[in-house]
């Protein structure tokens, strides 16, 4: 097997999941989406209850969320403050209802459920979990963004439910459509309900606005059916869990991209269709500069929808993990059981340490590295000014090179 990965940080930045990432949302005024527009610009950490226009404390919001069996949080995947909001909601609900809260995560596929269960039971170290769950292959975003939440779940034995469909099923649906899935995969298909007309219109706007998409009907249909597969599978996973002995009497907090829950016609509606229950939608609403948004936020063709986008908006600043992680500056590939340096970035810590193209990576600080994830995990523990001893094999000779980490910009396109 041959795998190539560009190791700029402790994580691998994945391609934005088109239906999952939050849109370039801005404060709305005087529309059906916000019947009580704020009298002043929102401030960071304010929480707004959209149905009433009232500002709430965290305790006030959690008190209202306590009446819901399904709490859907829609995140922007690369903003650490969104993950902070998620952890806060899970932690505060767990305090009020110990042993009666579960977490559903888009970041894991259905076949990874057994690995999640082992993690929660404390049977896996963090590195073992990353390997067994194939985190960087499946999700791709830096594990550090979700680490605190998953550690909290492990420490408190909170069930984590994998929400996304198997990759082979997703690929088959994208290629052939929902009606032409091969027989061996058909049993994995969730029940697909009628497409919500408002969701179709909004997703068309998402699709048309995203750079690089021509907007053809065939391409959009493929995009739409994958969205439906994701959300119908998520809804089935939520309901199957809540109806199981493990989920009896529990409430669940789902963590997905914003477009899966915004307006309620995605995941929440598909859950309620299967099992009517009280639900609430919380969207972290980013207050950031145009420079911070550049290259991150999807451009979306706006569609006027006569629905509230959420029950609660929690205004947060932008704080990306890229601003915190140090960079090694090498591109690696796994080839024939070896971990090879494919290229070295100019001016990077790796170049200054003397690491060269063609080197075989053997160890970091004496710890063997055999897979990309080994390097990602070890670097994830480092900060600006920290050092690491990098052992490489070059021309049949082993060398140990001291490397000092420093902050450097991540080049565009990586």
Protein backbone atom coordinates (compact mmCIF):
# COMPACT_ATOMS: atom_id res chain seq x y z
CA UNK A 1 0.00 0.00 0.00
CA UNK A 2 1.27 3.47 -0.86
CA UNK A 3 -0.02 6.43 1.12
CA UNK A 4 1.13 10.02 0.73
CA UNK A 5 0.51 12.65 3.38
CA UNK A 6 1.76 16.21 3.72
CA UNK A 7 2.72 16.67 7.36
CA UNK A 8 2.43 20.36 8.08
CA UNK A 9 0.92 20.13 11.51
CA UNK A 10 -0.10 17.50 14.00
CA UNK A 11 -3.23 17.03 11.94
CA UNK A 12 -4.22 16.64 8.33
CA UNK A 13 -6.55 19.32 7.02
CA UNK A 14 -9.21 17.53 5.01
CA UNK A 15 -11.23 18.90 2.11
CA UNK A 16 -14.27 20.74 3.46
CA UNK A 17 -17.24 18.39 3.57
CA UNK A 18 -19.60 20.35 1.38
CA UNK A 19 -22.82 19.53 3.17
CA UNK A 20 -21.31 19.42 6.61
CA UNK A 21 -19.33 22.61 7.04
CA UNK A 22 -20.99 25.71 8.31
CA UNK A 23 -21.82 28.37 5.78
CA UNK A 24 -20.42 31.86 5.72
CA UNK A 25 -23.12 32.96 8.11
CA UNK A 26 -23.51 36.59 9.03
CA UNK A 27 -25.72 38.38 11.52
CA UNK A 28 -29.25 38.54 10.05
CA UNK A 29 -31.58 41.47 10.52
CA UNK A 30 -35.27 41.78 9.97
CA UNK A 31 -35.87 38.47 8.20
CA UNK A 32 -37.99 35.43 8.82
CA UNK A 33 -34.82 33.77 10.07
CA UNK A 34 -34.50 36.31 12.88
CA UNK A 35 -37.88 37.72 13.92
CA UNK A 36 -36.26 39.67 16.77
CA UNK A 37 -33.09 41.19 15.28
CA UNK A 38 -30.60 42.39 17.91
CA UNK A 39 -30.71 46.11 18.65
CA UNK A 40 -26.90 46.15 18.71
CA UNK A 41 -24.25 44.01 17.03
CA UNK A 42 -23.77 40.71 18.84
CA UNK A 43 -20.81 40.31 21.13
CA UNK A 44 -18.55 37.31 21.54
CA UNK A 45 -19.98 34.71 23.97
CA UNK A 46 -23.51 36.10 23.84
CA UNK A 47 -26.20 33.44 23.48
CA UNK A 48 -29.34 34.42 21.60
CA UNK A 49 -32.62 32.51 21.76
CA UNK A 50 -34.01 33.09 18.27
CA UNK A 51 -37.71 32.31 18.93
CA UNK A 52 -37.87 35.08 21.55
CA UNK A 53 -34.89 37.30 20.78
CA UNK A 54 -33.76 37.01 24.39
CA UNK A 55 -30.12 36.84 25.45
CA UNK A 56 -29.40 33.94 27.77
CA UNK A 57 -26.71 32.80 30.16
CA UNK A 58 -25.12 29.40 29.64
CA UNK A 59 -27.14 28.07 32.58
CA UNK A 60 -30.30 29.51 31.08
CA UNK A 61 -29.66 27.87 27.74
CA UNK A 62 -28.73 24.53 29.29
CA UNK A 63 -31.91 24.66 31.36
CA UNK A 64 -33.93 25.01 28.15
CA UNK A 65 -31.88 22.35 26.36
CA UNK A 66 -32.63 20.00 29.24
CA UNK A 67 -36.16 19.65 27.91
CA UNK A 68 -34.94 18.18 24.63
CA UNK A 69 -34.08 14.55 24.02
CA UNK A 70 -32.14 15.52 20.88
CA UNK A 71 -29.72 18.46 20.99
CA UNK A 72 -28.15 19.09 17.58
CA UNK A 73 -25.03 21.26 17.51
CA UNK A 74 -23.90 22.40 14.05
CA UNK A 75 -20.24 23.28 13.86
CA UNK A 76 -17.66 24.79 11.56
CA UNK A 77 -15.08 22.02 11.60
CA UNK A 78 -11.97 24.17 11.87
CA UNK A 79 -13.00 26.57 14.64
CA UNK A 80 -11.86 25.38 18.07
CA UNK A 81 -14.53 27.52 19.71
CA UNK A 82 -17.24 25.43 18.06
CA UNK A 83 -15.78 22.32 19.68
CA UNK A 84 -15.58 24.23 22.96
CA UNK A 85 -19.32 24.91 22.71
CA UNK A 86 -19.97 21.22 22.09
CA UNK A 87 -17.94 20.14 25.10
CA UNK A 88 -19.71 22.71 27.27
CA UNK A 89 -23.13 21.41 26.26
CA UNK A 90 -22.18 17.78 26.85
CA UNK A 91 -20.50 18.55 30.17
CA UNK A 92 -23.36 20.66 31.53
CA UNK A 93 -26.03 18.17 30.49
CA UNK A 94 -23.99 15.33 32.01
CA UNK A 95 -23.80 17.26 35.28
CA UNK A 96 -27.56 17.56 35.35
CA UNK A 97 -28.28 14.06 34.06
CA UNK A 98 -25.32 11.83 34.99
CA UNK A 99 -25.35 8.57 33.08
CA UNK A 100 -28.20 9.75 30.88
CA UNK A 101 -26.36 11.58 28.10
CA UNK A 102 -24.83 10.23 24.89
CA UNK A 103 -22.93 11.91 22.06
CA UNK A 104 -23.43 11.24 18.35
CA UNK A 105 -20.56 12.26 16.06
CA UNK A 106 -20.45 12.75 12.31
CA UNK A 107 -16.69 12.26 12.55
CA UNK A 108 -17.05 8.48 12.78
CA UNK A 109 -18.57 5.96 10.38
CA UNK A 110 -20.96 3.22 11.44
CA UNK A 111 -18.37 0.39 11.17
CA UNK A 112 -16.19 2.19 13.74
CA UNK A 113 -18.74 1.79 16.54
CA UNK A 114 -16.90 -1.11 18.16
CA UNK A 115 -13.73 1.01 18.33
CA UNK A 116 -15.65 3.86 19.97
CA UNK A 117 -17.10 1.46 22.52
CA UNK A 118 -13.62 0.19 23.37
CA UNK A 119 -12.41 3.77 23.75
CA UNK A 120 -15.21 4.69 26.13
CA UNK A 121 -14.53 1.55 28.17
CA UNK A 122 -10.91 2.65 28.58
CA UNK A 123 -9.43 -0.24 26.61
CA UNK A 124 -7.44 1.87 24.13
CA UNK A 125 -4.68 4.42 24.48
CA UNK A 126 -5.02 7.58 22.43
CA UNK A 127 -2.58 6.35 19.78
CA UNK A 128 -4.29 2.96 19.61
CA UNK A 129 -7.62 4.73 19.20
CA UNK A 130 -6.35 6.93 16.38
CA UNK A 131 -5.07 3.89 14.52
CA UNK A 132 -8.07 1.65 15.14
CA UNK A 133 -10.58 4.37 14.20
CA UNK A 134 -8.49 5.43 11.16
CA UNK A 135 -9.13 8.99 12.25
CA UNK A 136 -6.95 10.73 9.71
CA UNK A 137 -8.18 8.58 6.86
CA UNK A 138 -11.85 8.83 7.78
CA UNK A 139 -12.21 12.40 9.00
CA UNK A 140 -8.95 14.19 8.31
CA UNK A 141 -9.40 17.23 10.52
CA UNK A 142 -6.94 17.60 13.37
CA UNK A 143 -7.74 15.24 16.24
CA UNK A 144 -6.69 17.94 18.67
CA UNK A 145 -9.94 19.80 17.98
CA UNK A 146 -12.03 16.90 19.31
CA UNK A 147 -9.60 15.42 21.82
CA UNK A 148 -11.05 17.12 24.94
CA UNK A 149 -14.58 16.01 24.10
CA UNK A 150 -13.56 12.41 23.47
CA UNK A 151 -11.43 12.32 26.61
CA UNK A 152 -14.38 13.67 28.61
CA UNK A 153 -16.59 10.94 27.17
CA UNK A 154 -14.01 8.32 28.08
CA UNK A 155 -13.47 9.63 31.62
CA UNK A 156 -17.23 9.73 32.29
CA UNK A 157 -18.22 6.58 30.35
CA UNK A 158 -20.46 8.58 28.01
CA UNK A 159 -21.47 6.57 24.96
CA UNK A 160 -20.24 7.96 21.64
CA UNK A 161 -22.34 6.94 18.64
CA UNK A 162 -20.87 6.79 15.13
CA UNK A 163 -23.28 8.59 12.81
CA UNK A 164 -21.92 8.46 9.26
CA UNK A 165 -22.53 5.63 6.75
CA UNK A 166 -19.89 3.12 5.64
CA UNK A 167 -17.53 4.47 2.99
CA UNK A 168 -18.33 1.73 0.47
CA UNK A 169 -22.04 2.49 0.70
CA UNK A 170 -21.42 6.23 0.30
CA UNK A 171 -19.27 5.66 -2.78
CA UNK A 172 -21.91 3.37 -4.33
CA UNK A 173 -24.68 5.91 -3.76
CA UNK A 174 -22.59 8.73 -5.19
CA UNK A 175 -21.84 6.72 -8.34
CA UNK A 176 -25.06 4.85 -9.01
CA UNK A 177 -27.80 6.55 -7.02
CA UNK A 178 -30.01 5.28 -4.23
CA UNK A 179 -31.96 2.93 -6.48
CA UNK A 180 -28.97 1.21 -8.03
CA UNK A 181 -26.91 0.22 -5.01
CA UNK A 182 -25.38 -3.27 -5.41
CA UNK A 183 -27.28 -6.04 -3.65
CA UNK A 184 -24.52 -6.70 -1.11
CA UNK A 185 -24.75 -3.08 0.09
CA UNK A 186 -28.51 -2.61 -0.16
CA UNK A 187 -29.15 -3.95 3.33
CA UNK A 188 -27.04 -1.10 4.74
CA UNK A 189 -29.26 1.57 3.19
CA UNK A 190 -31.39 3.56 5.63
CA UNK A 191 -34.99 4.41 4.86
CA UNK A 192 -34.91 7.48 2.63
CA UNK A 193 -37.82 9.88 3.13
CA UNK A 194 -39.22 12.41 0.73
CA UNK A 195 -36.81 15.27 0.06
CA UNK A 196 -37.76 18.42 1.94
CA UNK A 197 -38.32 21.15 -0.68
CA UNK A 198 -36.62 23.81 1.43
CA UNK A 199 -33.64 21.57 1.97
CA UNK A 200 -33.38 20.93 -1.76
CA UNK A 201 -33.44 24.68 -2.45
CA UNK A 202 -30.85 25.48 0.22
CA UNK A 203 -28.50 22.68 -0.80
CA UNK A 204 -28.78 23.84 -4.39
CA UNK A 205 -27.56 27.23 -3.20
CA UNK A 206 -24.71 25.59 -1.29
CA UNK A 207 -23.78 23.56 -4.34
CA UNK A 208 -23.99 26.44 -6.79
CA UNK A 209 -22.03 28.78 -4.56
CA UNK A 210 -19.16 26.44 -3.87
CA UNK A 211 -16.13 27.23 -5.98
CA UNK A 212 -15.36 24.68 -8.64
CA UNK A 213 -18.88 23.32 -9.09
CA UNK A 214 -20.54 23.91 -12.42
CA UNK A 215 -24.02 23.39 -11.05
CA UNK A 216 -25.14 20.75 -13.52
CA UNK A 217 -28.22 18.74 -12.60
CA UNK A 218 -26.39 15.41 -12.67
CA UNK A 219 -23.64 16.66 -10.37
CA UNK A 220 -26.14 18.26 -8.02
CA UNK A 221 -28.23 15.08 -7.87
CA UNK A 222 -25.13 13.11 -6.86
CA UNK A 223 -24.33 15.73 -4.21
CA UNK A 224 -27.91 15.72 -2.90
CA UNK A 225 -28.23 11.96 -2.60
CA UNK A 226 -25.01 11.75 -0.58
CA UNK A 227 -26.39 14.42 1.77
CA UNK A 228 -29.58 12.40 2.15
CA UNK A 229 -27.62 9.21 2.75
CA UNK A 230 -25.55 10.91 5.44
CA UNK A 231 -28.50 12.42 7.27
CA UNK A 232 -30.81 9.43 6.97
CA UNK A 233 -28.01 7.21 8.29
CA UNK A 234 -27.34 9.67 11.12
CA UNK A 235 -31.03 9.73 12.00
CA UNK A 236 -31.24 5.95 11.96
CA UNK A 237 -28.17 5.69 14.19
CA UNK A 238 -29.64 8.17 16.67
CA UNK A 239 -33.01 6.44 16.84
CA UNK A 240 -31.58 2.92 16.95
CA UNK A 241 -29.40 3.97 19.88
CA UNK A 242 -32.17 5.72 21.81
CA UNK A 243 -34.46 2.72 21.33
CA UNK A 244 -31.78 0.26 22.44
CA UNK A 245 -31.25 -0.86 26.05
CA UNK A 246 -28.10 1.31 26.19
CA UNK A 247 -30.01 4.39 25.13
CA UNK A 248 -33.11 3.88 27.25
CA UNK A 249 -34.04 7.07 29.10
CA UNK A 250 -31.11 9.01 27.63
CA UNK A 251 -30.79 12.19 25.62
CA UNK A 252 -28.25 12.61 22.84
CA UNK A 253 -26.11 15.53 21.69
CA UNK A 254 -25.26 15.26 17.99
CA UNK A 255 -22.16 16.93 16.62
CA UNK A 256 -22.20 17.56 12.89
CA UNK A 257 -21.50 20.27 10.37
CA UNK A 258 -23.90 23.19 10.46
CA UNK A 259 -25.72 22.38 7.22
CA UNK A 260 -26.85 19.02 8.59
CA UNK A 261 -28.96 20.72 11.27
CA UNK A 262 -29.54 24.34 10.25
CA UNK A 263 -33.27 25.06 9.73
CA UNK A 264 -34.11 21.62 11.13
CA UNK A 265 -34.91 19.96 7.81
CA UNK A 266 -31.78 17.81 7.87
CA UNK A 267 -30.93 15.54 10.76
CA UNK A 268 -33.58 16.78 13.26
CA UNK A 269 -36.53 16.27 10.89
CA UNK A 270 -35.27 12.85 9.85
CA UNK A 271 -34.98 11.81 13.50
CA UNK A 272 -38.45 13.07 14.37
CA UNK A 273 -39.93 11.26 11.35
CA UNK A 274 -38.70 8.02 12.84
CA UNK A 275 -39.29 8.78 16.52
CA UNK A 276 -41.13 11.98 17.54
CA UNK A 277 -39.25 13.76 20.30
CA UNK A 278 -38.45 17.22 21.59
CA UNK A 279 -35.32 18.65 19.96
CA UNK A 280 -33.24 21.81 19.93
CA UNK A 281 -30.71 23.21 17.47
CA UNK A 282 -27.66 25.18 18.60
CA UNK A 283 -25.38 26.93 16.11
CA UNK A 284 -22.08 28.48 17.16
CA UNK A 285 -22.11 31.74 15.19
CA UNK A 286 -18.66 32.96 14.25
CA UNK A 287 -17.65 36.58 14.70
CA UNK A 288 -14.44 36.93 12.72
CA UNK A 289 -12.59 39.13 10.27
CA UNK A 290 -12.72 38.73 6.48
CA UNK A 291 -9.07 37.65 6.62
CA UNK A 292 -9.93 34.85 9.05
CA UNK A 293 -12.77 33.69 6.82
CA UNK A 294 -10.79 33.77 3.58
CA UNK A 295 -10.27 30.32 2.13
CA UNK A 296 -12.28 28.65 4.92
CA UNK A 297 -15.92 29.55 4.51
CA UNK A 298 -18.05 28.31 1.66
CA UNK A 299 -19.68 30.89 -0.54
CA UNK A 300 -23.37 30.07 -0.64
CA UNK A 301 -26.09 31.33 -2.95
CA UNK A 302 -28.55 32.70 -0.41
CA UNK A 303 -32.05 31.21 -0.38
CA UNK A 304 -34.80 32.85 1.64
CA UNK A 305 -36.24 30.18 3.92
CA UNK A 306 -39.28 30.84 6.15
CA UNK A 307 -37.74 28.84 9.00
CA UNK A 308 -35.62 29.72 12.00
CA UNK A 309 -32.08 28.47 11.39
CA UNK A 310 -31.74 27.34 15.01
CA UNK A 311 -33.21 27.73 18.47
CA UNK A 312 -29.98 29.14 19.88
CA UNK A 313 -27.05 31.09 18.43
CA UNK A 314 -23.88 31.18 20.51
CA UNK A 315 -21.58 33.89 19.18
CA UNK A 316 -17.93 32.82 19.22
CA UNK A 317 -14.63 34.18 17.87
CA UNK A 318 -12.49 32.27 15.41
CA UNK A 319 -9.64 30.31 16.89
CA UNK A 320 -8.15 27.74 14.53
CA UNK A 321 -5.98 24.87 15.60
CA UNK A 322 -3.54 25.90 12.87
CA UNK A 323 -2.65 28.89 15.06
CA UNK A 324 -1.58 26.61 17.90
CA UNK A 325 0.18 23.70 16.21
CA UNK A 326 3.82 23.66 15.29
CA UNK A 327 4.90 22.37 11.90
CA UNK A 328 7.53 19.87 10.91
CA UNK A 329 7.38 20.71 7.22
CA UNK A 330 7.77 17.38 5.46
CA UNK A 331 5.68 15.43 3.05
CA UNK A 332 5.69 11.70 3.81
CA UNK A 333 4.60 8.56 2.08
CA UNK A 334 4.06 5.05 3.35
CA UNK A 335 5.66 2.70 0.85
CA UNK A 336 6.30 -1.02 1.19
CA UNK A 337 6.23 -0.86 4.96
CA UNK A 338 8.56 2.12 5.17
CA UNK A 339 7.86 5.75 6.06
CA UNK A 340 9.72 7.92 3.58
CA UNK A 341 10.30 11.67 3.33
CA UNK A 342 8.96 12.67 -0.09
CA UNK A 343 9.80 16.36 0.16
CA UNK A 344 10.93 18.99 2.65
CA UNK A 345 9.55 22.54 2.79
CA UNK A 346 11.98 25.38 2.38
CA UNK A 347 12.73 27.17 5.64
CA UNK A 348 10.91 24.54 7.73
CA UNK A 349 12.11 23.00 11.00
CA UNK A 350 12.80 19.80 9.07
CA UNK A 351 15.08 21.56 6.58
CA UNK A 352 16.96 23.34 9.34
CA UNK A 353 17.42 20.00 11.11
CA UNK A 354 18.97 18.48 8.01
CA UNK A 355 16.17 16.09 7.07
CA UNK A 356 16.32 15.34 3.36
CA UNK A 357 14.15 13.93 0.62
CA UNK A 358 14.43 10.14 0.52
CA UNK A 359 15.18 9.75 4.23
CA UNK A 360 13.37 6.88 5.92
CA UNK A 361 11.83 7.96 9.22
CA UNK A 362 12.56 5.49 12.00
CA UNK A 363 11.83 7.17 15.34
CA UNK A 364 10.92 10.38 17.14
CA UNK A 365 12.50 10.79 20.59
CA UNK A 366 13.38 7.12 20.48
CA UNK A 367 9.79 6.05 19.83
CA UNK A 368 9.47 3.99 16.62
CA UNK A 369 7.31 5.48 13.86
CA UNK A 370 5.91 3.06 11.31
CA UNK A 371 2.81 4.88 10.07
CA UNK A 372 1.84 8.45 9.33
CA UNK A 373 -0.37 8.52 12.40
CA UNK A 374 2.64 7.77 14.63
CA UNK A 375 4.27 11.00 13.47
CA UNK A 376 1.03 13.00 13.72
CA UNK A 377 0.53 11.83 17.28
CA UNK A 378 4.09 12.58 18.43
CA UNK A 379 4.14 16.04 16.85
CA UNK A 380 0.74 16.81 18.36
CA UNK A 381 2.38 16.89 21.78
CA UNK A 382 4.92 19.56 20.75
CA UNK A 383 4.75 23.35 21.01
CA UNK A 384 6.76 26.32 19.79
CA UNK A 385 10.37 25.97 20.99
CA UNK A 386 10.11 22.26 21.81
CA UNK A 387 12.65 19.85 20.37
CA UNK A 388 12.52 16.31 19.05
CA UNK A 389 15.21 13.83 18.09
CA UNK A 390 14.44 12.50 14.61
CA UNK A 391 16.06 9.20 13.68
CA UNK A 392 16.32 8.55 9.96
CA UNK A 393 18.00 6.03 7.69
CA UNK A 394 19.93 7.54 4.78
CA UNK A 395 21.97 5.44 2.39
CA UNK A 396 21.95 2.50 4.78
CA UNK A 397 23.21 4.61 7.69
CA UNK A 398 21.12 5.69 10.67
CA UNK A 399 21.31 9.31 11.81
CA UNK A 400 19.66 11.09 14.73
CA UNK A 401 18.98 14.75 13.99
CA UNK A 402 17.85 17.34 16.57
CA UNK A 403 14.84 19.35 15.36
CA UNK A 404 13.48 22.48 17.01
CA UNK A 405 9.89 23.45 16.32
CA UNK A 406 8.90 27.01 15.53
CA UNK A 407 5.75 28.64 14.24
CA UNK A 408 5.66 29.10 10.50
CA UNK A 409 2.82 29.92 8.11
CA UNK A 410 1.09 27.08 6.37
CA UNK A 411 1.39 27.60 2.60
CA UNK A 412 -1.79 27.98 0.60
CA UNK A 413 -2.98 24.83 -1.08
CA UNK A 414 -1.94 22.52 1.75
